[in-house]
Amino acid sequence: MSSLASTLKDPSLLVESHPLINGEWPTFTCSQTFPVYNPATNAVIGSAPECTVDDINNAISAASKAFPCWRAQSGRQRAKIIRKIAELLAEHKSDIAKIITAENGKAKADAEGEVMFSAGFFEWFAEEAPRLYGDVVPHSQPNSRIQVIKQPVGVCGLITPWNFPLAMAARKVAAALAVGCTVVLKTDGVTPFSGNALGVLAERAGLPKGVLNIVTALDNTPKLGLVL
């Protein structure tokens, strides 16, 4: 157990050296890892996988296979899971804030604020999920109408920065899940652990396998970005 994990009430929130692909944290995909540093002390707090193009293609494939079932769920069904993620984020605020502080350098109050900010995104989109209304637009011909139907587009490739590592992931992931899309999330290589914690909580909330996939990389980031 790492020194950071030993400070957490729930050490399982800190996932190192594994991506999240198809509901699993496989150990066999990424052969290389990179160190993650505490920016305040420059101490190594853990390591994360240097995912390759093959890894991200596996994640995209998993998300593609999960898409039809997730899309078929009603907005209210999706909302229950999204709301549960919000509740779990709030419940584990202290631990996740410690992870953010360790990898990002935020003060405790700021890190805890980011956790609740992130929970707010999931809470918001849980309410929006059942409201995927279409529209009827007047036509130039008096006997015709234009009907607009809103539908999920498929797999969303999301890339997030280091400065708000959890909040920016929450903002993008919650929106995609609410409308019925599946996700491949590429977190910043400087701050990968808060995104992994989000993946753990999403699983606990009952999110089906393959709906949320998380990959990390540092040097390989440009290559993965081109694939996404």
C-alpha atoms as a PDB file:
ATOM      1  CA  MET A   1       0.000   0.000   0.000  1.00  0.00           C
ATOM      2  CA  SER A   2       1.356   3.426  -0.956  1.00  0.00           C
ATOM      3  CA  SER A   3       1.828   6.169   1.612  1.00  0.00           C
ATOM      4  CA  LEU A   4      -1.079   8.079   0.066  1.00  0.00           C
ATOM      5  CA  ALA A   5      -3.395   5.072   0.210  1.00  0.00           C
ATOM      6  CA  SER A   6      -2.583   4.597   3.886  1.00  0.00           C
ATOM      7  CA  THR A   7      -4.043   8.041   4.651  1.00  0.00           C
ATOM      8  CA  LEU A   8      -7.419   7.207   3.093  1.00  0.00           C
ATOM      9  CA  LYS A   9     -10.416   5.787   4.920  1.00  0.00           C
ATOM     10  CA  ASP A  10     -11.124   3.788   1.761  1.00  0.00           C
ATOM     11  CA  PRO A  11      -7.768   2.904   0.147  1.00  0.00           C
ATOM     12  CA  SER A  12      -9.532   1.186  -2.763  1.00  0.00           C
ATOM     13  CA  LEU A  13     -10.313   4.634  -4.179  1.00  0.00           C
ATOM     14  CA  LEU A  14      -6.650   4.985  -5.141  1.00  0.00           C
ATOM     15  CA  VAL A  15      -6.110   2.868  -8.249  1.00  0.00           C
ATOM     16  CA  GLU A  16      -2.554   2.761  -9.605  1.00  0.00           C
ATOM     17  CA  SER A  17      -1.004   1.117 -12.657  1.00  0.00           C
ATOM     18  CA  HIS A  18      -4.309   0.038 -14.211  1.00  0.00           C
ATOM     19  CA  PRO A  19      -6.654   1.544 -16.794  1.00  0.00           C
ATOM     20  CA  LEU A  20     -10.408   0.970 -16.581  1.00  0.00           C
ATOM     21  CA  ILE A  21     -11.520  -0.960 -19.659  1.00  0.00           C
ATOM     22  CA  ASN A  22     -14.847  -2.768 -19.983  1.00  0.00           C
ATOM     23  CA  GLY A  23     -15.540  -2.670 -16.271  1.00  0.00           C
ATOM     24  CA  GLU A  24     -12.177  -4.144 -15.310  1.00  0.00           C
ATOM     25  CA  TRP A  25      -8.847  -2.777 -14.118  1.00  0.00           C
ATOM     26  CA  PRO A  26      -6.617  -5.094 -16.178  1.00  0.00           C
ATOM     27  CA  THR A  27      -2.983  -5.601 -15.307  1.00  0.00           C
ATOM     28  CA  PHE A  28      -2.045  -7.066 -18.681  1.00  0.00           C
ATOM     29  CA  THR A  29      -2.622  -4.174 -21.061  1.00  0.00           C
ATOM     30  CA  CYS A  30      -0.038  -1.520 -20.251  1.00  0.00           C
ATOM     31  CA  SER A  31       3.494  -2.814 -19.811  1.00  0.00           C
ATOM     32  CA  GLN A  32       4.931   0.611 -18.957  1.00  0.00           C
ATOM     33  CA  THR A  33       4.061   3.053 -16.202  1.00  0.00           C
ATOM     34  CA  PHE A  34       5.097   6.583 -15.306  1.00  0.00           C
ATOM     35  CA  PRO A  35       5.545   8.192 -11.872  1.00  0.00           C
ATOM     36  CA  VAL A  36       3.043  10.662 -10.451  1.00  0.00           C
ATOM     37  CA  TYR A  37       4.483  13.413  -8.257  1.00  0.00           C
ATOM     38  CA  ASN A  38       3.216  15.557  -5.428  1.00  0.00           C
ATOM     39  CA  PRO A  39       3.890  19.050  -6.846  1.00  0.00           C
ATOM     40  CA  ALA A  40       4.468  20.506  -3.382  1.00  0.00           C
ATOM     41  CA  THR A  41       7.156  18.042  -2.286  1.00  0.00           C
ATOM     42  CA  ASN A  42       8.195  16.447  -5.599  1.00  0.00           C
ATOM     43  CA  ALA A  43       7.747  13.080  -3.893  1.00  0.00           C
ATOM     44  CA  VAL A  44       6.461  10.169  -5.955  1.00  0.00           C
ATOM     45  CA  ILE A  45       2.937   9.317  -4.788  1.00  0.00           C
ATOM     46  CA  GLY A  46       2.315   6.460  -7.201  1.00  0.00           C
ATOM     47  CA  SER A  47       2.459   5.324 -10.791  1.00  0.00           C
ATOM     48  CA  ALA A  48      -0.006   5.228 -13.665  1.00  0.00           C
ATOM     49  CA  PRO A  49      -0.108   3.189 -16.882  1.00  0.00           C
ATOM     50  CA  GLU A  50       1.413   4.609 -20.054  1.00  0.00           C
ATOM     51  CA  CYS A  51      -1.468   3.450 -22.217  1.00  0.00           C
ATOM     52  CA  THR A  52      -0.872   2.757 -25.883  1.00  0.00           C
ATOM     53  CA  VAL A  53      -2.986   3.095 -29.009  1.00  0.00           C
ATOM     54  CA  ASP A  54      -3.928  -0.577 -28.609  1.00  0.00           C
ATOM     55  CA  ASP A  55      -5.193   0.126 -25.099  1.00  0.00           C
ATOM     56  CA  ILE A  56      -7.338   3.041 -26.165  1.00  0.00           C
ATOM     57  CA  ASN A  57      -8.699   1.061 -29.099  1.00  0.00           C
ATOM     58  CA  ASN A  58      -9.701  -1.646 -26.622  1.00  0.00           C
ATOM     59  CA  ALA A  59     -11.439   1.008 -24.540  1.00  0.00           C
ATOM     60  CA  ILE A  60     -13.262   2.378 -27.589  1.00  0.00           C
ATOM     61  CA  SER A  61     -14.332  -1.135 -28.555  1.00  0.00           C
ATOM     62  CA  ALA A  62     -15.690  -1.752 -25.054  1.00  0.00           C
ATOM     63  CA  ALA A  63     -17.584   1.544 -25.119  1.00  0.00           C
ATOM     64  CA  SER A  64     -19.006   0.735 -28.554  1.00  0.00           C
ATOM     65  CA  LYS A  65     -20.290  -2.642 -27.371  1.00  0.00           C
ATOM     66  CA  ALA A  66     -21.846  -1.088 -24.256  1.00  0.00           C
ATOM     67  CA  PHE A  67     -23.528   1.726 -26.195  1.00  0.00           C
ATOM     68  CA  PRO A  68     -26.705  -0.029 -27.453  1.00  0.00           C
ATOM     69  CA  CYS A  69     -27.765  -1.192 -23.983  1.00  0.00           C
ATOM     70  CA  TRP A  70     -26.940   2.124 -22.308  1.00  0.00           C
ATOM     71  CA  ARG A  71     -28.712   4.054 -25.034  1.00  0.00           C
ATOM     72  CA  ALA A  72     -31.792   1.850 -24.636  1.00  0.00           C
ATOM     73  CA  GLN A  73     -32.195   2.702 -20.957  1.00  0.00           C
ATOM     74  CA  SER A  74     -34.706   5.409 -20.195  1.00  0.00           C
ATOM     75  CA  GLY A  75     -33.555   8.800 -19.005  1.00  0.00           C
ATOM     76  CA  ARG A  76     -34.951   8.026 -15.563  1.00  0.00           C
ATOM     77  CA  GLN A  77     -33.006   4.777 -15.367  1.00  0.00           C
ATOM     78  CA  ARG A  78     -29.788   6.559 -16.276  1.00  0.00           C
ATOM     79  CA  ALA A  79     -30.614   9.343 -13.824  1.00  0.00           C
ATOM     80  CA  LYS A  80     -30.723   6.914 -10.889  1.00  0.00           C
ATOM     81  CA  ILE A  81     -27.152   5.809 -11.525  1.00  0.00           C
ATOM     82  CA  ILE A  82     -25.890   9.328 -12.204  1.00  0.00           C
ATOM     83  CA  ARG A  83     -27.496  10.597  -8.995  1.00  0.00           C
ATOM     84  CA  LYS A  84     -25.910   7.743  -7.062  1.00  0.00           C
ATOM     85  CA  ILE A  85     -22.490   8.799  -8.355  1.00  0.00           C
ATOM     86  CA  ALA A  86     -23.172  12.294  -6.997  1.00  0.00           C
ATOM     87  CA  GLU A  87     -24.078  10.839  -3.615  1.00  0.00           C
ATOM     88  CA  LEU A  88     -20.958   8.679  -3.497  1.00  0.00           C
ATOM     89  CA  LEU A  89     -18.723  11.625  -4.379  1.00  0.00           C
ATOM     90  CA  ALA A  90     -20.170  13.593  -1.483  1.00  0.00           C
ATOM     91  CA  GLU A  91     -19.872  10.596   0.829  1.00  0.00           C
ATOM     92  CA  HIS A  92     -16.175  10.149   0.005  1.00  0.00           C
ATOM     93  CA  LYS A  93     -15.352  13.855  -0.137  1.00  0.00           C
ATOM     94  CA  SER A  94     -12.504  13.667   2.364  1.00  0.00           C
ATOM     95  CA  ASP A  95     -10.636  10.813   0.680  1.00  0.00           C
ATOM     96  CA  ILE A  96     -11.001  12.131  -2.855  1.00  0.00           C
ATOM     97  CA  ALA A  97      -9.915  15.582  -1.716  1.00  0.00           C
ATOM     98  CA  LYS A  98      -6.746  14.027  -0.287  1.00  0.00           C
ATOM     99  CA  ILE A  99      -6.059  12.439  -3.663  1.00  0.00           C
ATOM    100  CA  ILE A 100      -6.585  15.757  -5.454  1.00  0.00           C
ATOM    101  CA  THR A 101      -4.324  17.578  -3.006  1.00  0.00           C
ATOM    102  CA  ALA A 102      -1.586  14.969  -3.371  1.00  0.00           C
ATOM    103  CA  GLU A 103      -1.508  14.961  -7.187  1.00  0.00           C
ATOM    104  CA  ASN A 104      -2.569  18.542  -7.921  1.00  0.00           C
ATOM    105  CA  GLY A 105      -1.347  20.593  -4.964  1.00  0.00           C
ATOM    106  CA  LYS A 106      -4.667  22.215  -4.065  1.00  0.00           C
ATOM    107  CA  ALA A 107      -5.267  23.252  -0.478  1.00  0.00           C
ATOM    108  CA  LYS A 108      -7.604  20.975   1.470  1.00  0.00           C
ATOM    109  CA  ALA A 109     -10.531  23.396   1.339  1.00  0.00           C
ATOM    110  CA  ASP A 110     -10.130  23.901  -2.404  1.00  0.00           C
ATOM    111  CA  ALA A 111      -9.876  20.161  -3.034  1.00  0.00           C
ATOM    112  CA  GLU A 112     -12.984  19.435  -0.970  1.00  0.00           C
ATOM    113  CA  GLY A 113     -14.752  22.219  -2.828  1.00  0.00           C
ATOM    114  CA  GLU A 114     -13.819  20.602  -6.128  1.00  0.00           C
ATOM    115  CA  VAL A 115     -15.290  17.287  -4.996  1.00  0.00           C
ATOM    116  CA  MET A 116     -18.619  18.928  -4.168  1.00  0.00           C
ATOM    117  CA  PHE A 117     -18.450  20.939  -7.394  1.00  0.00           C
ATOM    118  CA  SER A 118     -18.051  17.622  -9.220  1.00  0.00           C
ATOM    119  CA  ALA A 119     -20.936  16.040  -7.331  1.00  0.00           C
ATOM    120  CA  GLY A 120     -23.040  19.008  -8.399  1.00  0.00           C
ATOM    121  CA  PHE A 121     -22.449  18.227 -12.069  1.00  0.00           C
ATOM    122  CA  PHE A 122     -23.719  14.687 -11.599  1.00  0.00           C
ATOM    123  CA  GLU A 123     -26.684  15.917  -9.595  1.00  0.00           C
ATOM    124  CA  TRP A 124     -27.535  18.467 -12.291  1.00  0.00           C
ATOM    125  CA  PHE A 125     -27.335  16.013 -15.170  1.00  0.00           C
ATOM    126  CA  ALA A 126     -29.283  13.405 -13.213  1.00  0.00           C
ATOM    127  CA  GLU A 127     -32.162  15.881 -13.334  1.00  0.00           C
ATOM    128  CA  GLU A 128     -31.589  16.641 -17.008  1.00  0.00           C
ATOM    129  CA  ALA A 129     -31.462  13.000 -18.145  1.00  0.00           C
ATOM    130  CA  PRO A 130     -35.275  12.539 -18.211  1.00  0.00           C
ATOM    131  CA  ARG A 131     -35.702  15.844 -20.076  1.00  0.00           C
ATOM    132  CA  LEU A 132     -34.236  14.935 -23.444  1.00  0.00           C
ATOM    133  CA  TYR A 133     -37.025  16.682 -25.266  1.00  0.00           C
ATOM    134  CA  GLY A 134     -37.143  17.102 -29.006  1.00  0.00           C
ATOM    135  CA  ASP A 135     -38.742  20.039 -30.753  1.00  0.00           C
ATOM    136  CA  VAL A 136     -41.221  20.960 -33.450  1.00  0.00           C
ATOM    137  CA  VAL A 137     -40.125  23.826 -35.699  1.00  0.00           C
ATOM    138  CA  PRO A 138     -42.458  25.750 -38.027  1.00  0.00           C
ATOM    139  CA  HIS A 139     -41.902  25.041 -41.718  1.00  0.00           C
ATOM    140  CA  SER A 140     -42.000  27.495 -44.597  1.00  0.00           C
ATOM    141  CA  GLN A 141     -44.919  25.464 -45.945  1.00  0.00           C
ATOM    142  CA  PRO A 142     -48.035  25.953 -43.791  1.00  0.00           C
ATOM    143  CA  ASN A 143     -49.013  22.279 -43.898  1.00  0.00           C
ATOM    144  CA  SER A 144     -45.584  20.980 -42.850  1.00  0.00           C
ATOM    145  CA  ARG A 145     -43.627  20.813 -39.611  1.00  0.00           C
ATOM    146  CA  ILE A 146     -40.000  20.028 -38.838  1.00  0.00           C
ATOM    147  CA  GLN A 147     -39.544  17.518 -36.050  1.00  0.00           C
ATOM    148  CA  VAL A 148     -36.256  17.497 -34.121  1.00  0.00           C
ATOM    149  CA  ILE A 149     -35.326  14.297 -32.286  1.00  0.00           C
ATOM    150  CA  LYS A 150     -32.366  14.294 -29.900  1.00  0.00           C
ATOM    151  CA  GLN A 151     -30.443  11.037 -29.783  1.00  0.00           C
ATOM    152  CA  PRO A 152     -27.116   9.896 -28.284  1.00  0.00           C
ATOM    153  CA  VAL A 153     -24.331  10.000 -30.857  1.00  0.00           C
ATOM    154  CA  GLY A 154     -22.292   7.028 -29.622  1.00  0.00           C
ATOM    155  CA  VAL A 155     -18.897   6.860 -27.932  1.00  0.00           C
ATOM    156  CA  CYS A 156     -17.561  10.156 -26.563  1.00  0.00           C
ATOM    157  CA  GLY A 157     -13.795  10.647 -26.359  1.00  0.00           C
ATOM    158  CA  LEU A 158     -13.094  13.007 -23.466  1.00  0.00           C
ATOM    159  CA  ILE A 159      -9.734  14.585 -22.609  1.00  0.00           C
ATOM    160  CA  THR A 160      -9.387  16.490 -19.340  1.00  0.00           C
ATOM    161  CA  PRO A 161      -6.748  18.849 -17.881  1.00  0.00           C
ATOM    162  CA  TRP A 162      -4.731  18.850 -14.682  1.00  0.00           C
ATOM    163  CA  ASN A 163      -6.013  22.018 -13.004  1.00  0.00           C
ATOM    164  CA  PHE A 164      -9.475  20.676 -12.088  1.00  0.00           C
ATOM    165  CA  PRO A 165      -8.840  16.963 -12.592  1.00  0.00           C
ATOM    166  CA  LEU A 166     -12.070  15.720 -11.040  1.00  0.00           C
ATOM    167  CA  ALA A 167     -14.437  18.576 -11.855  1.00  0.00           C
ATOM    168  CA  MET A 168     -13.634  18.698 -15.561  1.00  0.00           C
ATOM    169  CA  ALA A 169     -14.032  14.932 -15.808  1.00  0.00           C
ATOM    170  CA  ALA A 170     -17.345  15.132 -13.951  1.00  0.00           C
ATOM    171  CA  ARG A 171     -18.606  17.947 -16.146  1.00  0.00           C
ATOM    172  CA  LYS A 172     -17.988  15.967 -19.331  1.00  0.00           C
ATOM    173  CA  VAL A 173     -18.748  12.444 -18.149  1.00  0.00           C
ATOM    174  CA  ALA A 174     -22.039  13.323 -16.442  1.00  0.00           C
ATOM    175  CA  ALA A 175     -23.365  15.071 -19.541  1.00  0.00           C
ATOM    176  CA  ALA A 176     -22.425  12.195 -21.834  1.00  0.00           C
ATOM    177  CA  LEU A 177     -23.948   9.568 -19.552  1.00  0.00           C
ATOM    178  CA  ALA A 178     -27.153  11.550 -19.137  1.00  0.00           C
ATOM    179  CA  VAL A 179     -27.922  11.590 -22.856  1.00  0.00           C
ATOM    180  CA  GLY A 180     -27.096   7.913 -23.318  1.00  0.00           C
ATOM    181  CA  CYS A 181     -23.553   8.072 -24.685  1.00  0.00           C
ATOM    182  CA  THR A 182     -20.717   5.850 -23.540  1.00  0.00           C
ATOM    183  CA  VAL A 183     -17.321   7.280 -22.651  1.00  0.00           C
ATOM    184  CA  VAL A 184     -13.594   6.853 -23.073  1.00  0.00           C
ATOM    185  CA  LEU A 185     -11.966   9.301 -20.663  1.00  0.00           C
ATOM    186  CA  LYS A 186      -8.296  10.258 -21.039  1.00  0.00           C
ATOM    187  CA  THR A 187      -7.224  12.005 -17.844  1.00  0.00           C
ATOM    188  CA  ASP A 188      -4.158  14.210 -17.555  1.00  0.00           C
ATOM    189  CA  GLY A 189      -0.932  12.347 -16.890  1.00  0.00           C
ATOM    190  CA  VAL A 190      -0.030  14.718 -14.073  1.00  0.00           C
ATOM    191  CA  THR A 191      -3.280  14.052 -12.185  1.00  0.00           C
ATOM    192  CA  PRO A 192      -4.620  10.586 -13.048  1.00  0.00           C
ATOM    193  CA  PHE A 193      -5.763   9.304  -9.675  1.00  0.00           C
ATOM    194  CA  SER A 194      -8.833  11.467  -9.077  1.00  0.00           C
ATOM    195  CA  GLY A 195     -10.247  10.297 -12.401  1.00  0.00           C
ATOM    196  CA  ASN A 196      -9.622   6.694 -11.396  1.00  0.00           C
ATOM    197  CA  ALA A 197     -11.462   7.327  -8.126  1.00  0.00           C
ATOM    198  CA  LEU A 198     -14.415   8.543 -10.170  1.00  0.00           C
ATOM    199  CA  GLY A 199     -14.302   5.275 -12.097  1.00  0.00           C
ATOM    200  CA  VAL A 200     -14.393   3.269  -8.870  1.00  0.00           C
ATOM    201  CA  LEU A 201     -17.433   5.172  -7.625  1.00  0.00           C
ATOM    202  CA  ALA A 202     -19.205   4.867 -10.971  1.00  0.00           C
ATOM    203  CA  GLU A 203     -18.855   1.092 -10.728  1.00  0.00           C
ATOM    204  CA  ARG A 204     -20.253   1.141  -7.195  1.00  0.00           C
ATOM    205  CA  ALA A 205     -23.177   3.225  -8.397  1.00  0.00           C
ATOM    206  CA  GLY A 206     -24.130   0.438 -10.789  1.00  0.00           C
ATOM    207  CA  LEU A 207     -22.839   1.817 -14.073  1.00  0.00           C
ATOM    208  CA  PRO A 208     -22.750  -1.106 -16.534  1.00  0.00           C
ATOM    209  CA  LYS A 209     -19.445  -2.464 -17.802  1.00  0.00           C
ATOM    210  CA  GLY A 210     -17.956  -0.588 -20.710  1.00  0.00           C
ATOM    211  CA  VAL A 211     -20.067   2.545 -20.307  1.00  0.00           C
ATOM    212  CA  LEU A 212     -17.174   4.443 -18.691  1.00  0.00           C
ATOM    213  CA  ASN A 213     -13.600   3.571 -19.649  1.00  0.00           C
ATOM    214  CA  ILE A 214     -10.566   5.452 -18.326  1.00  0.00           C
ATOM    215  CA  VAL A 215      -7.079   5.506 -19.808  1.00  0.00           C
ATOM    216  CA  THR A 216      -3.976   7.372 -18.698  1.00  0.00           C
ATOM    217  CA  ALA A 217      -0.786   8.414 -20.433  1.00  0.00           C
ATOM    218  CA  LEU A 218       1.976  10.987 -20.223  1.00  0.00           C
ATOM    219  CA  ASP A 219       4.360  10.698 -23.185  1.00  0.00           C
ATOM    220  CA  ASN A 220       1.751   8.898 -25.297  1.00  0.00           C
ATOM    221  CA  THR A 221      -0.895  11.584 -24.799  1.00  0.00           C
ATOM    222  CA  PRO A 222      -0.613  13.064 -28.344  1.00  0.00           C
ATOM    223  CA  LYS A 223      -0.995   9.618 -29.920  1.00  0.00           C
ATOM    224  CA  LEU A 224      -4.065   8.827 -27.832  1.00  0.00           C
ATOM    225  CA  GLY A 225      -5.524  12.237 -28.547  1.00  0.00           C
ATOM    226  CA  LEU A 226      -5.326  11.606 -32.276  1.00  0.00           C
ATOM    227  CA  VAL A 227      -7.241   8.348 -31.857  1.00  0.00           C
ATOM    228  CA  LEU A 228      -9.942  10.031 -29.784  1.00  0.00           C
END
